[in-house]
Amino acid sequence: MARSDGVLRTVVRGKRRDIGLGGLRLVSLADAREDAARLRRIARTGGDPLAERRQARRIMPTFKAAAEAVHDAHSSSFKNEKHKSQWITRRFKGKASNESLEAR
């Protein structure tokens, strides 16, 4: 890392880890200290701060996006074109993309 990057050195499960806190131009010193304290707490309780960070950055698809991906993967197994198109359109007609589906 460059000299202008904030780095937290801590021990996670017996191994030393250097965790980047962000560049000084992008992250204020107060924010970096706050983030470092939170990551230290996670490490002291036996957790993995890097895994925690990865989990927070992970993008969770909406139900509609996930259903469309499954439909695309399995649509070749449908024998009837009409059923292939009905399966996905009937379930999402008039629904917002982030709206959950009710059991029908």
Protein backbone atom coordinates (compact mmCIF):
# COMPACT_ATOMS: atom_id res chain seq x y z
CA MET A 1 0.00 0.00 0.00
CA ALA A 2 1.08 3.55 -0.56
CA ARG A 3 2.34 5.72 2.27
CA SER A 4 -0.86 7.77 2.30
CA ASP A 5 -3.07 4.77 3.02
CA GLY A 6 -4.39 4.00 6.48
CA VAL A 7 -3.62 0.43 7.55
CA LEU A 8 -4.88 -1.50 10.56
CA ARG A 9 -2.45 -4.12 11.84
CA THR A 10 -4.20 -6.70 13.95
CA VAL A 11 -4.08 -10.39 14.77
CA VAL A 12 -6.88 -12.57 13.40
CA ARG A 13 -6.93 -16.17 14.66
CA GLY A 14 -3.21 -16.11 15.42
CA LYS A 15 -2.10 -14.50 12.16
CA ARG A 16 -1.10 -10.90 11.67
CA ARG A 17 -3.27 -9.11 9.14
CA ASP A 18 -2.80 -5.72 7.51
CA ILE A 19 -6.22 -4.35 6.65
CA GLY A 20 -6.51 -1.25 4.47
CA LEU A 21 -8.69 1.53 5.79
CA GLY A 22 -8.58 3.74 2.70
CA GLY A 23 -6.52 6.60 1.41
CA LEU A 24 -6.19 9.78 3.44
CA ARG A 25 -7.71 11.79 0.63
CA LEU A 26 -10.82 9.56 0.53
CA VAL A 27 -11.34 8.64 4.19
CA SER A 28 -11.13 11.08 7.09
CA LEU A 29 -8.99 10.19 10.07
CA ALA A 30 -12.07 9.98 12.31
CA ASP A 31 -13.80 7.56 9.91
CA ALA A 32 -10.65 5.44 9.64
CA ARG A 33 -10.37 5.25 13.45
CA GLU A 34 -14.02 4.30 13.74
CA ASP A 35 -13.65 1.57 11.09
CA ALA A 36 -10.45 0.30 12.74
CA ALA A 37 -12.17 0.06 16.13
CA ARG A 38 -15.07 -1.88 14.60
CA LEU A 39 -12.71 -4.28 12.80
CA ARG A 40 -10.65 -4.79 16.00
CA ARG A 41 -13.83 -5.68 17.91
CA ILE A 42 -14.69 -8.30 15.29
CA ALA A 43 -11.17 -9.78 15.47
CA ARG A 44 -11.19 -9.88 19.30
CA THR A 45 -14.48 -11.76 19.40
CA GLY A 46 -13.03 -14.47 17.15
CA GLY A 47 -14.50 -13.25 13.88
CA ASP A 48 -12.73 -12.51 10.64
CA PRO A 49 -12.88 -8.79 9.79
CA LEU A 50 -11.93 -9.39 6.16
CA ALA A 51 -14.72 -11.93 5.70
CA GLU A 52 -17.09 -9.49 7.37
CA ARG A 53 -16.07 -6.80 4.90
CA ARG A 54 -16.46 -9.11 1.92
CA GLN A 55 -19.94 -10.06 3.11
CA ALA A 56 -20.92 -6.40 3.44
CA ARG A 57 -19.74 -5.64 -0.11
CA ARG A 58 -21.48 -8.64 -1.62
CA ILE A 59 -24.31 -7.67 -3.91
CA MET A 60 -27.53 -9.51 -3.23
CA PRO A 61 -29.75 -9.87 -6.31
CA THR A 62 -33.44 -9.08 -6.09
CA PHE A 63 -35.83 -12.01 -6.13
CA LYS A 64 -36.90 -11.07 -9.64
CA ALA A 65 -33.31 -11.06 -10.93
CA ALA A 66 -32.60 -14.41 -9.30
CA ALA A 67 -35.82 -15.93 -10.68
CA GLU A 68 -35.03 -14.66 -14.17
CA ALA A 69 -31.53 -16.18 -13.96
CA VAL A 70 -33.00 -19.55 -12.92
CA HIS A 71 -35.63 -19.28 -15.67
CA ASP A 72 -32.94 -18.58 -18.27
CA ALA A 73 -30.92 -21.56 -17.07
CA HIS A 74 -33.88 -23.97 -17.16
CA SER A 75 -35.99 -22.57 -20.00
CA SER A 76 -34.40 -24.92 -22.50
CA SER A 77 -36.04 -27.84 -20.67
CA PHE A 78 -39.55 -26.47 -21.23
CA LYS A 79 -41.25 -28.35 -24.05
CA ASN A 80 -43.79 -25.68 -24.89
CA GLU A 81 -42.83 -22.11 -25.91
CA LYS A 82 -46.06 -20.75 -24.45
CA HIS A 83 -45.25 -22.19 -21.02
CA LYS A 84 -41.71 -20.87 -21.23
CA SER A 85 -42.93 -17.30 -21.68
CA GLN A 86 -45.85 -17.61 -19.25
CA TRP A 87 -43.77 -18.95 -16.39
CA ILE A 88 -41.80 -15.75 -15.87
CA THR A 89 -44.23 -13.07 -17.07
CA ARG A 90 -47.17 -14.31 -15.03
CA ARG A 91 -45.21 -14.16 -11.79
CA PHE A 92 -43.78 -10.67 -12.26
CA LYS A 93 -46.54 -8.86 -14.09
CA GLY A 94 -46.96 -5.44 -12.48
CA LYS A 95 -44.38 -6.02 -9.75
CA ALA A 96 -41.49 -3.70 -8.96
CA SER A 97 -38.08 -5.32 -9.33
CA ASN A 98 -37.34 -5.15 -5.59
CA GLU A 99 -40.81 -6.23 -4.48
CA SER A 100 -41.09 -9.70 -2.98
CA LEU A 101 -43.48 -12.25 -4.36
CA GLU A 102 -46.34 -13.70 -2.35
CA ALA A 103 -47.03 -17.41 -2.37
CA ARG A 104 -49.75 -18.23 -4.86
